[in-house]
Protein backbone atom coordinates (compact mmCIF):
# COMPACT_ATOMS: atom_id res chain seq x y z
CA MET A 1 35.15 20.66 51.84
CA ASP A 2 36.80 17.69 53.53
CA SER A 3 39.18 15.17 51.94
CA THR A 4 36.45 12.59 51.30
CA ILE A 5 34.36 15.01 49.25
CA LEU A 6 37.51 16.09 47.42
CA LEU A 7 38.28 12.49 46.47
CA PHE A 8 34.71 11.87 45.32
CA LEU A 9 34.80 14.97 43.13
CA LEU A 10 38.16 13.95 41.67
CA GLN A 11 36.82 10.49 40.91
CA ASP A 12 33.74 11.92 39.23
CA GLY A 13 35.86 14.40 37.28
CA LEU A 14 38.29 11.76 36.05
CA THR A 15 35.43 9.47 35.04
CA ASN A 16 33.75 12.19 32.99
CA GLY A 17 37.12 13.38 31.71
CA ALA A 18 37.88 9.91 30.34
CA ILE A 19 34.71 10.10 28.23
CA TYR A 20 35.53 13.62 27.06
CA ALA A 21 39.02 12.42 26.15
CA LEU A 22 37.60 9.84 23.76
CA LEU A 23 35.33 12.41 22.13
CA GLY A 24 38.13 14.96 21.92
CA LEU A 25 40.43 12.45 20.25
CA ALA A 26 37.72 11.59 17.73
CA LEU A 27 37.21 15.27 16.91
CA VAL A 28 40.96 15.82 16.43
CA LEU A 29 41.19 12.72 14.24
CA VAL A 30 38.34 13.77 11.96
CA PHE A 31 39.54 17.36 11.67
CA ALA A 32 43.14 16.36 10.97
CA VAL A 33 42.18 14.01 8.15
CA THR A 34 39.16 15.77 6.60
CA ARG A 35 39.25 19.37 7.96
CA VAL A 36 35.69 18.82 9.24
CA ILE A 37 34.91 20.17 12.71
CA PHE A 38 32.68 17.22 13.47
CA VAL A 39 29.78 18.78 15.35
CA PRO A 40 27.62 15.59 15.09
CA GLN A 41 30.11 13.55 17.14
CA GLY A 42 27.72 13.78 20.10
CA GLU A 43 24.95 12.17 18.07
CA PHE A 44 27.00 8.99 17.81
CA VAL A 45 27.24 9.01 21.61
CA ALA A 46 23.45 9.20 21.89
CA TYR A 47 22.94 6.59 19.16
CA GLY A 48 25.39 4.20 20.80
CA GLY A 49 23.99 4.62 24.31
CA LEU A 50 20.36 4.31 23.26
CA THR A 51 21.10 1.32 21.03
CA PHE A 52 22.84 -0.49 23.88
CA ALA A 53 20.05 0.34 26.34
CA LEU A 54 17.39 -1.03 23.98
CA LEU A 55 19.39 -4.20 23.32
CA GLU A 56 19.79 -4.71 27.06
CA ALA A 57 16.03 -4.29 27.43
CA GLY A 58 15.41 -6.96 24.79
CA LYS A 59 14.12 -4.54 22.17
CA LEU A 60 15.24 -3.98 18.59
CA PRO A 61 16.89 -0.53 18.41
CA GLY A 62 15.85 1.97 15.79
CA THR A 63 19.46 2.29 14.64
CA ALA A 64 19.18 -1.18 13.08
CA TYR A 65 16.77 0.36 10.56
CA MET A 66 18.61 3.69 10.55
CA VAL A 67 21.82 2.09 9.25
CA VAL A 68 19.83 0.58 6.37
CA ALA A 69 18.44 4.03 5.49
CA PHE A 70 21.90 5.63 5.64
CA GLY A 71 23.35 2.83 3.52
CA ALA A 72 20.64 3.22 0.88
CA ALA A 73 21.28 6.98 0.73
CA ALA A 74 25.03 6.41 0.35
CA PHE A 75 24.40 3.81 -2.37
CA ALA A 76 22.17 6.20 -4.33
CA MET A 77 24.74 8.98 -3.97
CA GLU A 78 27.48 6.68 -5.26
CA LEU A 79 25.47 5.64 -8.30
CA VAL A 80 24.60 9.24 -9.18
CA SER A 81 28.16 10.54 -8.80
CA ARG A 82 29.67 7.70 -10.85
CA ARG A 83 26.88 7.27 -13.39
CA ARG A 84 29.27 7.65 -16.36
CA GLU A 85 31.49 4.76 -15.27
CA LEU A 86 28.92 2.30 -13.98
CA ALA A 87 29.74 -1.36 -14.46
CA ALA A 88 28.24 -4.53 -13.04
CA ARG A 89 31.28 -5.15 -10.84
CA LEU A 90 31.18 -1.63 -9.40
CA VAL A 91 27.44 -1.75 -8.71
CA ALA A 92 27.75 -5.19 -7.07
CA ARG A 93 30.60 -4.03 -4.83
CA GLU A 94 28.81 -0.87 -3.74
CA ALA A 95 25.56 -2.76 -3.20
CA ALA A 96 27.34 -5.33 -1.02
CA PHE A 97 28.86 -2.69 1.25
CA LYS A 98 26.04 -0.14 1.33
CA LEU A 99 22.99 -2.39 1.10
CA GLY A 100 24.05 -5.95 1.93
CA LEU A 101 26.01 -5.04 5.06
CA PRO A 102 23.23 -2.95 6.68
CA LEU A 103 20.65 -5.64 5.92
CA ALA A 104 22.93 -8.29 7.43
CA ILE A 105 23.32 -6.13 10.54
CA LEU A 106 19.53 -5.75 10.76
CA PHE A 107 18.93 -9.50 10.62
CA LEU A 108 21.76 -10.11 13.10
CA ALA A 109 20.22 -7.55 15.49
CA LYS A 110 16.87 -9.32 15.30
CA ALA A 111 18.53 -12.65 16.06
CA VAL A 112 20.48 -11.23 19.01
CA VAL A 113 17.37 -9.59 20.48
CA ALA A 114 15.57 -12.92 20.32
CA ALA A 115 18.49 -14.80 21.93
CA GLN A 116 19.38 -12.24 24.66
CA PRO A 117 23.05 -13.35 24.90
CA GLY A 118 24.28 -10.73 27.40
CA ALA A 119 26.03 -7.37 27.76
CA VAL A 120 29.27 -8.24 25.94
CA VAL A 121 27.48 -9.36 22.77
CA ASN A 122 25.19 -6.34 22.98
CA LEU A 123 28.23 -4.06 23.22
CA VAL A 124 29.80 -5.61 20.12
CA LEU A 125 26.48 -5.45 18.25
CA THR A 126 26.05 -1.80 19.23
CA ILE A 127 29.40 -0.97 17.66
CA ALA A 128 28.53 -3.03 14.57
CA ILE A 129 25.25 -1.13 14.15
CA VAL A 130 26.55 2.41 14.74
CA ALA A 131 29.99 2.18 13.07
CA PRO A 132 28.78 1.95 9.42
CA ILE A 133 26.74 5.13 9.84
CA GLY A 134 30.04 7.06 9.97
CA PRO A 135 31.31 6.28 6.45
CA TYR A 136 27.78 6.43 5.00
CA LEU A 137 27.36 9.90 6.50
CA TYR A 138 30.71 10.99 5.09
CA ARG A 139 29.75 9.74 1.63
CA VAL A 140 26.43 11.57 1.61
CA ALA A 141 27.27 14.86 3.33
CA PHE A 142 31.01 15.55 3.22
CA GLN A 143 32.76 13.69 0.41
CA PRO A 144 31.04 15.73 -2.35
CA ILE A 145 32.43 18.96 -0.81
CA ALA A 146 35.71 17.57 0.54
CA ASP A 147 37.75 20.37 -1.06
CA ALA A 148 35.55 23.19 0.25
CA SER A 149 36.74 25.68 2.86
CA VAL A 150 36.73 24.85 6.55
CA LEU A 151 33.86 27.32 7.05
CA VAL A 152 31.67 25.57 4.46
CA LEU A 153 32.49 22.20 6.03
CA LEU A 154 31.59 23.60 9.47
CA ILE A 155 28.24 24.91 8.22
CA THR A 156 27.56 21.50 6.69
CA ALA A 157 28.49 19.79 9.97
CA VAL A 158 26.01 21.98 11.87
CA GLY A 159 23.30 21.09 9.37
CA VAL A 160 24.14 17.38 9.69
CA HIS A 161 23.95 17.70 13.49
CA LEU A 162 20.46 19.19 13.29
CA ALA A 163 19.35 16.51 10.83
CA MET A 164 20.77 13.67 12.95
CA THR A 165 19.05 15.05 16.05
CA GLY A 166 15.72 14.96 14.25
CA ILE A 167 16.44 11.48 12.90
CA GLY A 168 17.24 10.36 16.45
CA LEU A 169 13.84 11.62 17.60
CA VAL A 170 12.12 9.68 14.81
CA PHE A 171 13.91 6.38 15.49
CA PHE A 172 14.19 6.53 19.30
CA GLY A 173 11.32 8.72 20.41
CA ALA A 174 11.36 11.40 23.10
CA GLU A 175 11.63 9.04 26.08
CA GLY A 176 14.98 8.70 27.86
CA LEU A 177 16.68 5.36 28.38
CA ARG A 178 19.17 3.95 30.85
CA ALA A 179 21.04 0.64 30.87
CA PRO A 180 22.27 -1.55 33.73
CA PRO A 181 25.97 -1.12 34.63
CA ILE A 182 28.54 -3.13 32.71
CA SER A 183 29.88 -4.52 35.98
CA SER A 184 28.43 -4.60 39.49
CA ALA A 185 31.85 -4.95 41.14
CA VAL A 186 32.79 -2.58 43.95
CA LEU A 187 36.36 -1.73 44.98
CA PRO A 188 36.88 0.22 48.24
CA VAL A 189 39.77 2.68 47.90
CA GLY A 190 40.30 4.46 51.20
CA PRO A 191 37.24 6.53 52.07
CA ILE A 192 35.67 6.22 48.60
CA VAL A 193 34.22 3.35 46.59
CA VAL A 194 35.19 2.77 42.95
CA THR A 195 32.46 0.96 41.05
CA GLY A 196 32.91 -1.56 38.30
CA GLN A 197 31.41 0.94 35.87
CA ASN A 198 34.15 3.46 36.70
CA LEU A 199 36.85 0.81 36.34
CA GLY A 200 35.33 -0.22 33.00
CA ILE A 201 35.44 3.36 31.77
CA TYR A 202 39.09 3.75 32.76
CA ALA A 203 40.09 0.41 31.24
CA ILE A 204 38.19 0.84 27.97
CA THR A 205 39.38 4.43 27.54
CA ALA A 206 43.00 3.40 28.11
CA ALA A 207 42.61 0.43 25.75
CA LEU A 208 41.16 2.62 22.98
CA ILE A 209 43.92 5.21 23.36
CA VAL A 210 46.59 2.49 23.16
CA ALA A 211 44.83 0.91 20.18
CA LEU A 212 44.74 4.26 18.37
CA TYR A 213 48.43 4.81 19.14
CA LEU A 214 49.33 1.41 17.71
CA PHE A 215 47.02 1.91 14.73
CA PHE A 216 48.62 5.21 13.73
CA GLY A 217 52.16 4.11 14.54
CA ARG A 218 52.29 0.50 13.33
CA THR A 219 49.80 0.01 10.47
CA ILE A 220 49.93 1.12 6.83
CA THR A 221 46.40 2.49 7.03
CA GLY A 222 47.20 4.50 10.14
CA LYS A 223 50.33 5.94 8.54
CA ALA A 224 48.28 6.85 5.47
CA LEU A 225 45.84 8.76 7.69
CA ARG A 226 48.76 10.57 9.35
CA ALA A 227 50.12 11.49 5.93
CA THR A 228 46.71 12.81 4.90
CA ALA A 229 46.56 14.89 8.08
CA ILE A 230 50.01 16.37 7.48
CA ASN A 231 49.72 17.14 3.76
CA ARG A 232 46.59 16.31 1.78
CA ILE A 233 48.10 17.20 -1.60
CA GLY A 234 51.27 15.23 -0.92
CA ALA A 235 49.23 12.25 0.25
CA ARG A 236 47.19 12.34 -2.95
CA LEU A 237 50.37 12.53 -5.06
CA VAL A 238 51.79 9.36 -3.51
CA GLY A 239 48.58 7.43 -4.18
CA ILE A 240 46.63 7.75 -0.91
CA ARG A 241 42.91 7.94 -1.61
CA LEU A 242 41.57 10.92 0.32
CA ALA A 243 37.98 9.67 0.09
CA LEU A 244 38.97 6.36 1.68
CA SER A 245 40.91 8.21 4.39
CA GLY A 246 37.81 10.26 5.15
CA ARG A 247 35.63 7.16 5.41
CA ILE A 248 38.10 5.48 7.75
CA ALA A 249 38.31 8.59 9.95
CA PHE A 250 34.51 8.81 10.18
CA THR A 251 34.29 5.10 10.95
CA LEU A 252 36.74 5.46 13.83
CA ALA A 253 34.83 8.50 15.10
CA ALA A 254 31.57 6.54 14.99
CA VAL A 255 33.13 3.62 16.88
CA ILE A 256 34.52 5.94 19.55
CA GLY A 257 31.15 7.68 19.86
CA ALA A 258 29.29 4.38 20.18
CA VAL A 259 31.67 3.10 22.86
CA SER A 260 31.38 6.41 24.73
CA GLY A 261 27.59 6.13 24.66
CA VAL A 262 27.72 2.58 26.03
CA LEU A 263 29.95 3.79 28.87
CA ILE A 264 27.69 6.75 29.69
CA VAL A 265 24.22 5.21 29.50
CA PRO A 266 24.47 3.20 32.77
CA MET A 267 25.41 6.41 34.63
CA THR A 268 22.77 8.80 33.35
CA THR A 269 19.54 8.77 31.36
CA LEU A 270 20.18 9.43 27.68
CA TYR A 271 17.77 11.14 25.31
CA TYR A 272 17.91 11.51 21.55
CA ASP A 273 19.53 14.97 21.92
CA THR A 274 21.75 14.36 24.95
CA GLY A 275 24.88 13.79 22.91
CA PHE A 276 25.24 17.40 21.77
CA LEU A 277 26.18 18.79 25.19
CA VAL A 278 28.53 15.86 25.88
CA GLY A 279 30.14 16.34 22.49
CA LEU A 280 30.64 20.05 23.17
CA LYS A 281 32.73 19.26 26.22
CA GLY A 282 34.88 16.97 24.13
CA PHE A 283 35.10 19.86 21.67
CA VAL A 284 36.40 22.13 24.45
CA ALA A 285 39.21 19.63 25.09
CA ALA A 286 39.94 19.40 21.35
CA ILE A 287 40.16 23.19 21.03
CA ILE A 288 42.54 23.40 24.00
CA GLY A 289 44.63 20.79 22.17
CA GLY A 290 44.60 23.00 19.09
CA LEU A 291 42.73 20.34 17.08
CA VAL A 292 46.13 18.78 16.36
CA SER A 293 47.62 17.35 19.57
CA TYR A 294 46.26 14.03 20.83
CA PRO A 295 48.14 14.01 24.20
CA LEU A 296 47.21 17.63 24.95
CA THR A 297 43.59 16.91 24.04
CA ALA A 298 43.46 13.94 26.42
CA ALA A 299 45.02 15.98 29.25
CA ALA A 300 42.63 18.87 28.57
CA ALA A 301 39.67 16.48 28.68
CA LEU A 302 40.65 15.32 32.17
CA LEU A 303 40.92 18.99 33.20
CA VAL A 304 37.45 19.68 31.77
CA GLY A 305 36.01 16.73 33.70
CA VAL A 306 37.59 17.81 36.99
CA VAL A 307 36.52 21.44 36.55
CA GLU A 308 32.98 20.30 35.78
CA ALA A 309 32.86 18.10 38.90
CA PHE A 310 34.02 20.90 41.21
CA ALA A 311 31.74 23.41 39.49
CA SER A 312 28.79 21.05 40.04
CA PHE A 313 29.59 21.00 43.76
CA HIS A 314 30.17 24.72 44.29
CA ALA A 315 27.91 26.31 41.63
CA SER A 316 25.77 23.70 39.92
CA ASP A 317 23.66 26.29 38.08
CA TRP A 318 26.80 27.70 36.47
CA LYS A 319 28.76 24.53 35.77
CA GLU A 320 28.23 24.60 31.99
CA VAL A 321 29.22 28.26 31.85
CA ILE A 322 32.35 27.58 33.88
CA VAL A 323 33.36 24.65 31.64
CA PHE A 324 32.93 26.56 28.41
CA THR A 325 34.71 29.58 29.89
CA LEU A 326 37.86 27.45 29.80
CA LEU A 327 37.96 28.22 26.09
CA LEU A 328 38.37 31.97 26.54
CA PRO A 329 41.99 32.14 27.80
CA VAL A 330 43.03 29.51 25.24
CA LEU A 331 41.47 31.42 22.36
CA LEU A 332 42.96 34.70 23.57
CA ILE A 333 46.44 33.22 23.85
CA ARG A 334 46.21 31.66 20.39
CA SER A 335 44.93 34.93 18.96
CA TRP A 336 47.90 36.83 20.42
CA THR A 337 50.57 34.30 19.50
CA ASP A 338 49.46 33.00 16.09
CA PRO A 339 49.57 35.37 13.11
CA HIS A 340 46.19 35.81 11.45
CA SER A 341 45.74 35.16 7.77
CA ASP A 342 42.57 34.97 5.74
CA GLU A 343 41.83 31.53 4.37
CA GLU A 344 41.33 32.93 0.88
CA GLU A 345 44.94 34.15 0.91
């Protein structure tokens, strides 16, 4: 292996690692706030990438109708759970958020498809379409069992993943999609060439990480989420609504997944079920970070990306095995150093 190949592999690894870092941070965020190991995070990647690709092709994405279906399910769940305290004001508020907003997004998507305004508007619209699915999903699947054990929440997350994969097949079909790159710029750096797509991934990833840092450190809502992550009972005692914290966490995870999908889809063909494998690699980074440390998760994600790139070059048939093997020493070390206690105790 010469230095040029080494640099190309490093570039590829850092590019993939930046995506895994976003997914890992989303997984840590959701787990810290809700105790849900968010297996369906990869589905938001697929939904975001496929939505953006269809918008770029001038077609109305299936997610524009999907968000309406999710909103209607969340609205029905809300009415059933609060049937003893229903009032006109409550019904109107819930209908506005869970029915009016998705319908407005659907009509906006139709208008944008007809106008074909360009990639930037399509990116913003993609986030607007996919982001509400997060809180609707939380309301339907996780909020009713928010106080259950981590194992029950994990089993539910696996079931939600399987359901969302099937829903993706219904709304997107089995054909793969690919979008044009966000930027066609080319920057020569020594013997290698850095594309505008790579630069966009680095810039957007860095911007999202900084935005999350400022959100958690400077805003009341972010501090409330941190308090919920540290002590759920204490947060409830001081007036923080755990259900609202869960919805915000799922919304942020959906936004991060949608952005990740937009960044990936110009580089590879996405299918309705592609997100699961991508999400698993973000999960590897999150586990190495202990599902608590954001900086360690980001660093681990870069390591996962680099290891995957070198494994693809030396042993492409075994690259997935090599990446997931990174978990073994981490799990062994944690098993030896952390005292075990049953959750029931």
